């Protein structure tokens, strides 16, 4: 389950249109690089008909290196390399639109990308989810989140919720903006395993608070909590016969991401 609780964040912020307003968006330069330390606490409960529930608690730290591969007027491609205990190095690529919205997760190397949507969108890209509008915003302004999202292993779905520009401030001499978001994502897809596969059908809800440095547009810190509950069906391996076994999967993930380079 460790691989399912991945936390990475790259949402840039372009500075203001007035003394008390800012434009929030993703405008990186090709070749830009960011490094993050990611702390994750997770609780997973699996209940399968006819068997006792299995409860797994985990706590671990990851390091995430972000490299902007290409930046254009409409979208940007970012390569992310994750490393941590019992994980090795995992590399994948995401596409973010001009508002900073996560538009697509792509698989490269051996990361099981079809599993990325199974635990929490915010645990993968907490600051990219629920991006604000392009218009200048003042502290206290709110917006509605209703965006299509493509994740490997499941049909195109929608992210729905709301965001709020909580405050503008100064931290360690740097101007920053803080965004609070609450949103919900439907999850429906199938993940392949050596022993067979399992299908998930449910939803996850997330609350997140992200602080962005205005000078270079980088995320400085993100705290997020995701709760998910899914109907789960265990399926036999391809080419074999056997009954489908129903059950449930419940997940709670708390994450803290800090930029370190």
C-alpha atoms as a PDB file:
ATOM      1  CA  UNK A   1       0.000   0.000   0.000  1.00  0.00           C
ATOM      2  CA  UNK A   2       3.052   2.224   0.377  1.00  0.00           C
ATOM      3  CA  UNK A   3       3.287   2.761  -3.343  1.00  0.00           C
ATOM      4  CA  UNK A   4      -0.304   3.914  -3.456  1.00  0.00           C
ATOM      5  CA  UNK A   5       0.266   6.759  -0.997  1.00  0.00           C
ATOM      6  CA  UNK A   6       2.590   8.945  -3.048  1.00  0.00           C
ATOM      7  CA  UNK A   7       2.861  12.612  -2.334  1.00  0.00           C
ATOM      8  CA  UNK A   8       4.310  15.067  -4.787  1.00  0.00           C
ATOM      9  CA  UNK A   9       3.492  18.729  -5.475  1.00  0.00           C
ATOM     10  CA  UNK A  10       4.351  21.140  -8.273  1.00  0.00           C
ATOM     11  CA  UNK A  11       1.939  24.069  -8.670  1.00  0.00           C
ATOM     12  CA  UNK A  12       3.467  27.444  -9.578  1.00  0.00           C
ATOM     13  CA  UNK A  13       2.069  30.822  -8.604  1.00  0.00           C
ATOM     14  CA  UNK A  14       2.412  33.942 -10.730  1.00  0.00           C
ATOM     15  CA  UNK A  15       2.387  37.174  -8.785  1.00  0.00           C
ATOM     16  CA  UNK A  16      -0.203  39.821  -8.541  1.00  0.00           C
ATOM     17  CA  UNK A  17      -2.329  42.293 -10.327  1.00  0.00           C
ATOM     18  CA  UNK A  18      -2.601  44.736  -7.437  1.00  0.00           C
ATOM     19  CA  UNK A  19      -1.336  45.267  -3.894  1.00  0.00           C
ATOM     20  CA  UNK A  20      -3.758  42.708  -2.443  1.00  0.00           C
ATOM     21  CA  UNK A  21      -4.414  40.350  -5.353  1.00  0.00           C
ATOM     22  CA  UNK A  22      -2.515  37.551  -7.070  1.00  0.00           C
ATOM     23  CA  UNK A  23      -2.888  35.387 -10.153  1.00  0.00           C
ATOM     24  CA  UNK A  24      -2.506  31.727  -9.283  1.00  0.00           C
ATOM     25  CA  UNK A  25      -1.316  29.463 -12.069  1.00  0.00           C
ATOM     26  CA  UNK A  26       1.423  27.162 -13.290  1.00  0.00           C
ATOM     27  CA  UNK A  27       4.060  28.901 -15.445  1.00  0.00           C
ATOM     28  CA  UNK A  28       7.374  27.059 -15.004  1.00  0.00           C
ATOM     29  CA  UNK A  29      10.416  27.301 -17.240  1.00  0.00           C
ATOM     30  CA  UNK A  30      11.620  24.205 -19.053  1.00  0.00           C
ATOM     31  CA  UNK A  31      14.559  22.807 -17.104  1.00  0.00           C
ATOM     32  CA  UNK A  32      13.345  24.059 -13.714  1.00  0.00           C
ATOM     33  CA  UNK A  33      13.906  21.608 -10.857  1.00  0.00           C
ATOM     34  CA  UNK A  34      12.335  21.215  -7.403  1.00  0.00           C
ATOM     35  CA  UNK A  35      13.066  18.818  -4.538  1.00  0.00           C
ATOM     36  CA  UNK A  36      10.584  17.845  -1.814  1.00  0.00           C
ATOM     37  CA  UNK A  37      10.607  15.839   1.408  1.00  0.00           C
ATOM     38  CA  UNK A  38       7.347  13.944   1.867  1.00  0.00           C
ATOM     39  CA  UNK A  39       6.113  12.484   5.159  1.00  0.00           C
ATOM     40  CA  UNK A  40       3.182  10.063   4.990  1.00  0.00           C
ATOM     41  CA  UNK A  41       1.018   8.346   7.604  1.00  0.00           C
ATOM     42  CA  UNK A  42      -1.506   5.830   6.317  1.00  0.00           C
ATOM     43  CA  UNK A  43      -4.147   3.504   7.706  1.00  0.00           C
ATOM     44  CA  UNK A  44      -5.618   0.800   5.475  1.00  0.00           C
ATOM     45  CA  UNK A  45      -8.415  -1.592   6.447  1.00  0.00           C
ATOM     46  CA  UNK A  46      -9.318  -4.454   4.102  1.00  0.00           C
ATOM     47  CA  UNK A  47     -12.440  -6.509   4.783  1.00  0.00           C
ATOM     48  CA  UNK A  48     -13.155  -9.568   2.632  1.00  0.00           C
ATOM     49  CA  UNK A  49     -16.270 -11.677   3.043  1.00  0.00           C
ATOM     50  CA  UNK A  50     -15.549 -14.754   5.123  1.00  0.00           C
ATOM     51  CA  UNK A  51     -12.239 -13.488   6.556  1.00  0.00           C
ATOM     52  CA  UNK A  52     -11.225 -11.234   9.471  1.00  0.00           C
ATOM     53  CA  UNK A  53     -10.487  -7.611   8.586  1.00  0.00           C
ATOM     54  CA  UNK A  54      -6.850  -6.711   8.016  1.00  0.00           C
ATOM     55  CA  UNK A  55      -5.629  -3.399   9.430  1.00  0.00           C
ATOM     56  CA  UNK A  56      -2.292  -1.942   8.313  1.00  0.00           C
ATOM     57  CA  UNK A  57      -0.749   1.256   9.696  1.00  0.00           C
ATOM     58  CA  UNK A  58       2.335   2.729   8.090  1.00  0.00           C
ATOM     59  CA  UNK A  59       4.588   5.768   8.414  1.00  0.00           C
ATOM     60  CA  UNK A  60       7.394   6.598   6.017  1.00  0.00           C
ATOM     61  CA  UNK A  61       9.297   9.389   4.281  1.00  0.00           C
ATOM     62  CA  UNK A  62       9.867   9.914   0.569  1.00  0.00           C
ATOM     63  CA  UNK A  63      12.042  12.258  -1.442  1.00  0.00           C
ATOM     64  CA  UNK A  64      10.580  13.685  -4.653  1.00  0.00           C
ATOM     65  CA  UNK A  65      12.639  15.277  -7.424  1.00  0.00           C
ATOM     66  CA  UNK A  66      10.630  17.285  -9.988  1.00  0.00           C
ATOM     67  CA  UNK A  67      12.048  18.265 -13.378  1.00  0.00           C
ATOM     68  CA  UNK A  68      10.057  20.361 -15.844  1.00  0.00           C
ATOM     69  CA  UNK A  69      10.506  18.650 -19.224  1.00  0.00           C
ATOM     70  CA  UNK A  70       8.483  21.087 -21.327  1.00  0.00           C
ATOM     71  CA  UNK A  71       6.486  24.226 -20.658  1.00  0.00           C
ATOM     72  CA  UNK A  72       3.961  25.705 -23.074  1.00  0.00           C
ATOM     73  CA  UNK A  73       1.065  28.134 -23.141  1.00  0.00           C
ATOM     74  CA  UNK A  74      -1.522  25.377 -22.605  1.00  0.00           C
ATOM     75  CA  UNK A  75       0.254  22.738 -20.500  1.00  0.00           C
ATOM     76  CA  UNK A  76       3.528  21.535 -18.997  1.00  0.00           C
ATOM     77  CA  UNK A  77       5.094  18.104 -18.604  1.00  0.00           C
ATOM     78  CA  UNK A  78       6.893  17.292 -15.351  1.00  0.00           C
ATOM     79  CA  UNK A  79       9.015  14.221 -14.583  1.00  0.00           C
ATOM     80  CA  UNK A  80       8.871  13.095 -10.961  1.00  0.00           C
ATOM     81  CA  UNK A  81      11.339  10.696  -9.346  1.00  0.00           C
ATOM     82  CA  UNK A  82      10.385   9.235  -5.973  1.00  0.00           C
ATOM     83  CA  UNK A  83      12.764   7.463  -3.629  1.00  0.00           C
ATOM     84  CA  UNK A  84      12.396   6.059  -0.150  1.00  0.00           C
ATOM     85  CA  UNK A  85      12.688   2.953   2.070  1.00  0.00           C
ATOM     86  CA  UNK A  86      11.503  -0.252   0.366  1.00  0.00           C
ATOM     87  CA  UNK A  87      10.561   1.754  -2.716  1.00  0.00           C
ATOM     88  CA  UNK A  88      13.788   2.218  -4.645  1.00  0.00           C
ATOM     89  CA  UNK A  89      13.568   4.822  -7.394  1.00  0.00           C
ATOM     90  CA  UNK A  90      10.259   5.264  -9.232  1.00  0.00           C
ATOM     91  CA  UNK A  91       9.861   7.697 -12.109  1.00  0.00           C
ATOM     92  CA  UNK A  92       6.725   8.901 -13.859  1.00  0.00           C
ATOM     93  CA  UNK A  93       5.478  11.881 -15.840  1.00  0.00           C
ATOM     94  CA  UNK A  94       2.455  14.142 -15.329  1.00  0.00           C
ATOM     95  CA  UNK A  95       0.829  16.782 -17.470  1.00  0.00           C
ATOM     96  CA  UNK A  96      -0.506  19.954 -15.842  1.00  0.00           C
ATOM     97  CA  UNK A  97      -2.657  22.479 -17.677  1.00  0.00           C
ATOM     98  CA  UNK A  98      -2.068  26.230 -17.675  1.00  0.00           C
ATOM     99  CA  UNK A  99      -4.115  26.647 -14.475  1.00  0.00           C
ATOM    100  CA  UNK A 100      -1.983  24.096 -12.669  1.00  0.00           C
ATOM    101  CA  UNK A 101      -4.715  21.448 -12.835  1.00  0.00           C
ATOM    102  CA  UNK A 102      -3.569  17.838 -12.959  1.00  0.00           C
ATOM    103  CA  UNK A 103      -4.687  16.701 -16.425  1.00  0.00           C
ATOM    104  CA  UNK A 104      -2.978  13.333 -16.867  1.00  0.00           C
ATOM    105  CA  UNK A 105      -0.710  10.827 -15.139  1.00  0.00           C
ATOM    106  CA  UNK A 106       1.537   8.832 -17.477  1.00  0.00           C
ATOM    107  CA  UNK A 107       3.408   5.616 -16.677  1.00  0.00           C
ATOM    108  CA  UNK A 108       7.112   5.154 -17.263  1.00  0.00           C
ATOM    109  CA  UNK A 109       9.596   2.650 -15.830  1.00  0.00           C
ATOM    110  CA  UNK A 110       7.990   0.159 -13.436  1.00  0.00           C
ATOM    111  CA  UNK A 111       5.695   2.294 -11.289  1.00  0.00           C
ATOM    112  CA  UNK A 112       2.238   0.668 -11.289  1.00  0.00           C
ATOM    113  CA  UNK A 113       0.519   3.813 -12.532  1.00  0.00           C
ATOM    114  CA  UNK A 114      -2.912   2.187 -12.607  1.00  0.00           C
ATOM    115  CA  UNK A 115      -2.767   2.223  -8.798  1.00  0.00           C
ATOM    116  CA  UNK A 116      -2.147   5.959  -8.511  1.00  0.00           C
ATOM    117  CA  UNK A 117      -5.821   6.771  -8.401  1.00  0.00           C
ATOM    118  CA  UNK A 118      -6.688   4.145  -5.839  1.00  0.00           C
ATOM    119  CA  UNK A 119      -5.650   5.914  -2.656  1.00  0.00           C
ATOM    120  CA  UNK A 120      -5.775   9.657  -3.089  1.00  0.00           C
ATOM    121  CA  UNK A 121      -5.278  12.159  -5.871  1.00  0.00           C
ATOM    122  CA  UNK A 122      -4.005  14.623  -3.322  1.00  0.00           C
ATOM    123  CA  UNK A 123      -1.488  12.104  -2.064  1.00  0.00           C
ATOM    124  CA  UNK A 124       0.041  12.168  -5.538  1.00  0.00           C
ATOM    125  CA  UNK A 125      -0.218  15.860  -6.441  1.00  0.00           C
ATOM    126  CA  UNK A 126      -1.829  17.740  -3.572  1.00  0.00           C
ATOM    127  CA  UNK A 127      -1.295  21.236  -4.973  1.00  0.00           C
ATOM    128  CA  UNK A 128      -2.261  20.383  -8.526  1.00  0.00           C
ATOM    129  CA  UNK A 129      -5.729  19.211  -7.611  1.00  0.00           C
ATOM    130  CA  UNK A 130      -8.465  21.828  -7.546  1.00  0.00           C
ATOM    131  CA  UNK A 131      -6.460  24.620  -9.156  1.00  0.00           C
ATOM    132  CA  UNK A 132      -7.884  28.163  -8.815  1.00  0.00           C
ATOM    133  CA  UNK A 133      -9.246  30.295 -11.690  1.00  0.00           C
ATOM    134  CA  UNK A 134      -6.964  32.480 -13.799  1.00  0.00           C
ATOM    135  CA  UNK A 135      -8.553  35.756 -12.663  1.00  0.00           C
ATOM    136  CA  UNK A 136      -6.858  37.937 -10.004  1.00  0.00           C
ATOM    137  CA  UNK A 137      -7.879  36.844  -6.511  1.00  0.00           C
ATOM    138  CA  UNK A 138      -7.977  38.587  -3.144  1.00  0.00           C
ATOM    139  CA  UNK A 139      -7.701  36.907   0.276  1.00  0.00           C
ATOM    140  CA  UNK A 140     -11.008  35.292   1.209  1.00  0.00           C
ATOM    141  CA  UNK A 141     -12.194  34.695  -2.349  1.00  0.00           C
ATOM    142  CA  UNK A 142     -13.618  31.251  -3.131  1.00  0.00           C
ATOM    143  CA  UNK A 143     -14.060  29.225  -6.300  1.00  0.00           C
ATOM    144  CA  UNK A 144     -15.802  26.038  -7.398  1.00  0.00           C
ATOM    145  CA  UNK A 145     -13.763  23.000  -8.467  1.00  0.00           C
ATOM    146  CA  UNK A 146     -15.340  20.895 -11.221  1.00  0.00           C
ATOM    147  CA  UNK A 147     -12.658  19.492 -13.513  1.00  0.00           C
ATOM    148  CA  UNK A 148     -12.154  16.326 -15.598  1.00  0.00           C
ATOM    149  CA  UNK A 149      -9.220  14.150 -14.513  1.00  0.00           C
ATOM    150  CA  UNK A 150      -7.544  11.244 -16.333  1.00  0.00           C
ATOM    151  CA  UNK A 151      -5.776   8.613 -14.227  1.00  0.00           C
ATOM    152  CA  UNK A 152      -4.341   5.309 -15.466  1.00  0.00           C
ATOM    153  CA  UNK A 153      -6.456   2.237 -14.855  1.00  0.00           C
ATOM    154  CA  UNK A 154      -9.820   3.966 -14.646  1.00  0.00           C
ATOM    155  CA  UNK A 155     -12.326   5.814 -16.774  1.00  0.00           C
ATOM    156  CA  UNK A 156     -12.129   9.592 -17.003  1.00  0.00           C
ATOM    157  CA  UNK A 157     -13.651  11.071 -13.872  1.00  0.00           C
ATOM    158  CA  UNK A 158     -14.315  14.492 -12.352  1.00  0.00           C
ATOM    159  CA  UNK A 159     -12.872  16.336  -9.385  1.00  0.00           C
ATOM    160  CA  UNK A 160     -15.533  18.360  -7.568  1.00  0.00           C
ATOM    161  CA  UNK A 161     -15.258  20.673  -4.586  1.00  0.00           C
ATOM    162  CA  UNK A 162     -14.194  24.193  -3.644  1.00  0.00           C
ATOM    163  CA  UNK A 163     -11.106  26.282  -2.946  1.00  0.00           C
ATOM    164  CA  UNK A 164     -10.299  29.457  -1.066  1.00  0.00           C
ATOM    165  CA  UNK A 165      -7.389  31.898  -1.100  1.00  0.00           C
ATOM    166  CA  UNK A 166      -6.924  32.000   2.655  1.00  0.00           C
ATOM    167  CA  UNK A 167      -4.228  34.650   3.005  1.00  0.00           C
ATOM    168  CA  UNK A 168      -1.223  36.470   1.609  1.00  0.00           C
ATOM    169  CA  UNK A 169       1.804  36.841   3.830  1.00  0.00           C
ATOM    170  CA  UNK A 170       5.556  36.794   4.270  1.00  0.00           C
ATOM    171  CA  UNK A 171       7.576  33.797   5.499  1.00  0.00           C
ATOM    172  CA  UNK A 172      11.347  34.066   5.953  1.00  0.00           C
ATOM    173  CA  UNK A 173      11.346  37.238   3.884  1.00  0.00           C
ATOM    174  CA  UNK A 174       9.440  35.650   0.970  1.00  0.00           C
ATOM    175  CA  UNK A 175       5.927  36.622  -0.147  1.00  0.00           C
ATOM    176  CA  UNK A 176       3.575  33.655  -0.041  1.00  0.00           C
ATOM    177  CA  UNK A 177      -0.060  32.743  -0.690  1.00  0.00           C
ATOM    178  CA  UNK A 178      -2.008  30.023   1.129  1.00  0.00           C
ATOM    179  CA  UNK A 179      -4.825  28.045  -0.521  1.00  0.00           C
ATOM    180  CA  UNK A 180      -7.288  25.775   1.305  1.00  0.00           C
ATOM    181  CA  UNK A 181      -9.187  23.180  -0.749  1.00  0.00           C
ATOM    182  CA  UNK A 182     -11.859  20.550  -0.167  1.00  0.00           C
ATOM    183  CA  UNK A 183     -12.849  18.164  -2.928  1.00  0.00           C
ATOM    184  CA  UNK A 184     -14.150  14.727  -3.812  1.00  0.00           C
ATOM    185  CA  UNK A 185     -13.069  12.264  -6.487  1.00  0.00           C
ATOM    186  CA  UNK A 186     -14.924   9.185  -7.723  1.00  0.00           C
ATOM    187  CA  UNK A 187     -12.679   6.118  -8.102  1.00  0.00           C
ATOM    188  CA  UNK A 188     -13.550   3.173 -10.321  1.00  0.00           C
ATOM    189  CA  UNK A 189     -11.006   0.857 -11.886  1.00  0.00           C
ATOM    190  CA  UNK A 190      -9.127  -2.429 -11.775  1.00  0.00           C
ATOM    191  CA  UNK A 191      -5.572  -3.086 -10.586  1.00  0.00           C
ATOM    192  CA  UNK A 192      -3.684  -6.159 -11.793  1.00  0.00           C
ATOM    193  CA  UNK A 193      -1.694  -8.277  -9.325  1.00  0.00           C
ATOM    194  CA  UNK A 194       0.299 -11.510  -9.694  1.00  0.00           C
ATOM    195  CA  UNK A 195      -2.334 -13.335  -7.647  1.00  0.00           C
ATOM    196  CA  UNK A 196      -5.164 -11.933  -9.775  1.00  0.00           C
ATOM    197  CA  UNK A 197      -6.705  -8.490  -9.721  1.00  0.00           C
ATOM    198  CA  UNK A 198      -9.031  -6.340  -7.663  1.00  0.00           C
ATOM    199  CA  UNK A 199     -11.688  -3.873  -8.760  1.00  0.00           C
ATOM    200  CA  UNK A 200     -12.472  -0.737  -6.765  1.00  0.00           C
ATOM    201  CA  UNK A 201     -15.649   1.339  -6.857  1.00  0.00           C
ATOM    202  CA  UNK A 202     -16.077   4.250  -4.459  1.00  0.00           C
ATOM    203  CA  UNK A 203     -14.887   7.753  -3.715  1.00  0.00           C
ATOM    204  CA  UNK A 204     -12.335   9.706  -1.733  1.00  0.00           C
ATOM    205  CA  UNK A 205     -12.568  13.111  -0.100  1.00  0.00           C
ATOM    206  CA  UNK A 206      -9.636  15.421   0.579  1.00  0.00           C
ATOM    207  CA  UNK A 207      -8.865  18.560   2.541  1.00  0.00           C
ATOM    208  CA  UNK A 208      -5.590  20.324   1.787  1.00  0.00           C
ATOM    209  CA  UNK A 209      -3.728  23.501   2.680  1.00  0.00           C
ATOM    210  CA  UNK A 210      -0.888  24.613   0.397  1.00  0.00           C
ATOM    211  CA  UNK A 211       1.535  27.534   0.758  1.00  0.00           C
ATOM    212  CA  UNK A 212       3.137  28.937  -2.419  1.00  0.00           C
ATOM    213  CA  UNK A 213       6.102  31.282  -2.751  1.00  0.00           C
ATOM    214  CA  UNK A 214       5.208  34.066  -5.173  1.00  0.00           C
ATOM    215  CA  UNK A 215       8.741  34.950  -6.250  1.00  0.00           C
ATOM    216  CA  UNK A 216       9.467  31.714  -8.139  1.00  0.00           C
ATOM    217  CA  UNK A 217       6.034  30.091  -8.177  1.00  0.00           C
ATOM    218  CA  UNK A 218       7.039  26.989  -6.218  1.00  0.00           C
ATOM    219  CA  UNK A 219       5.012  25.134  -3.637  1.00  0.00           C
ATOM    220  CA  UNK A 220       6.687  25.551  -0.245  1.00  0.00           C
ATOM    221  CA  UNK A 221       4.531  23.326   1.944  1.00  0.00           C
ATOM    222  CA  UNK A 222       1.399  21.187   1.671  1.00  0.00           C
ATOM    223  CA  UNK A 223      -0.613  19.407   4.351  1.00  0.00           C
ATOM    224  CA  UNK A 224      -3.357  17.067   3.161  1.00  0.00           C
ATOM    225  CA  UNK A 225      -5.766  14.472   4.542  1.00  0.00           C
ATOM    226  CA  UNK A 226      -7.560  11.979   2.293  1.00  0.00           C
ATOM    227  CA  UNK A 227     -10.290   9.558   3.339  1.00  0.00           C
ATOM    228  CA  UNK A 228     -11.522   6.881   0.963  1.00  0.00           C
ATOM    229  CA  UNK A 229     -14.019   4.070   1.104  1.00  0.00           C
ATOM    230  CA  UNK A 230     -14.466   1.609  -1.745  1.00  0.00           C
ATOM    231  CA  UNK A 231     -16.344  -1.545  -2.621  1.00  0.00           C
ATOM    232  CA  UNK A 232     -13.673  -4.072  -3.565  1.00  0.00           C
ATOM    233  CA  UNK A 233     -13.975  -7.228  -5.644  1.00  0.00           C
ATOM    234  CA  UNK A 234     -11.140  -9.769  -5.742  1.00  0.00           C
ATOM    235  CA  UNK A 235     -10.946 -11.471  -9.138  1.00  0.00           C
ATOM    236  CA  UNK A 236      -9.081 -14.713 -10.036  1.00  0.00           C
ATOM    237  CA  UNK A 237      -5.999 -14.588 -12.291  1.00  0.00           C
ATOM    238  CA  UNK A 238      -6.644 -14.363 -16.033  1.00  0.00           C
ATOM    239  CA  UNK A 239      -7.144 -17.803 -17.541  1.00  0.00           C
ATOM    240  CA  UNK A 240      -8.266 -19.415 -14.287  1.00  0.00           C
ATOM    241  CA  UNK A 241     -11.682 -20.052 -12.847  1.00  0.00           C
ATOM    242  CA  UNK A 242     -12.919 -19.090  -9.444  1.00  0.00           C
ATOM    243  CA  UNK A 243     -15.519 -16.949  -7.751  1.00  0.00           C
ATOM    244  CA  UNK A 244     -15.239 -13.183  -7.400  1.00  0.00           C
ATOM    245  CA  UNK A 245     -14.891 -12.303  -3.713  1.00  0.00           C
ATOM    246  CA  UNK A 246     -16.530  -9.061  -2.499  1.00  0.00           C
ATOM    247  CA  UNK A 247     -15.152  -6.825   0.237  1.00  0.00           C
ATOM    248  CA  UNK A 248     -14.387  -3.253   1.231  1.00  0.00           C
ATOM    249  CA  UNK A 249     -11.284  -1.085   1.361  1.00  0.00           C
ATOM    250  CA  UNK A 250     -11.041   1.904   3.715  1.00  0.00           C
ATOM    251  CA  UNK A 251      -8.094   4.280   3.642  1.00  0.00           C
ATOM    252  CA  UNK A 252      -6.930   7.280   5.677  1.00  0.00           C
ATOM    253  CA  UNK A 253      -3.784   9.097   4.483  1.00  0.00           C
ATOM    254  CA  UNK A 254      -2.153  12.139   6.108  1.00  0.00           C
ATOM    255  CA  UNK A 255       0.701  13.803   4.249  1.00  0.00           C
ATOM    256  CA  UNK A 256       3.126  16.664   4.794  1.00  0.00           C
ATOM    257  CA  UNK A 257       5.226  17.925   1.879  1.00  0.00           C
ATOM    258  CA  UNK A 258       8.044  20.477   2.314  1.00  0.00           C
ATOM    259  CA  UNK A 259      10.275  21.920  -0.375  1.00  0.00           C
ATOM    260  CA  UNK A 260      13.957  21.357   0.428  1.00  0.00           C
ATOM    261  CA  UNK A 261      15.631  22.435  -2.810  1.00  0.00           C
END
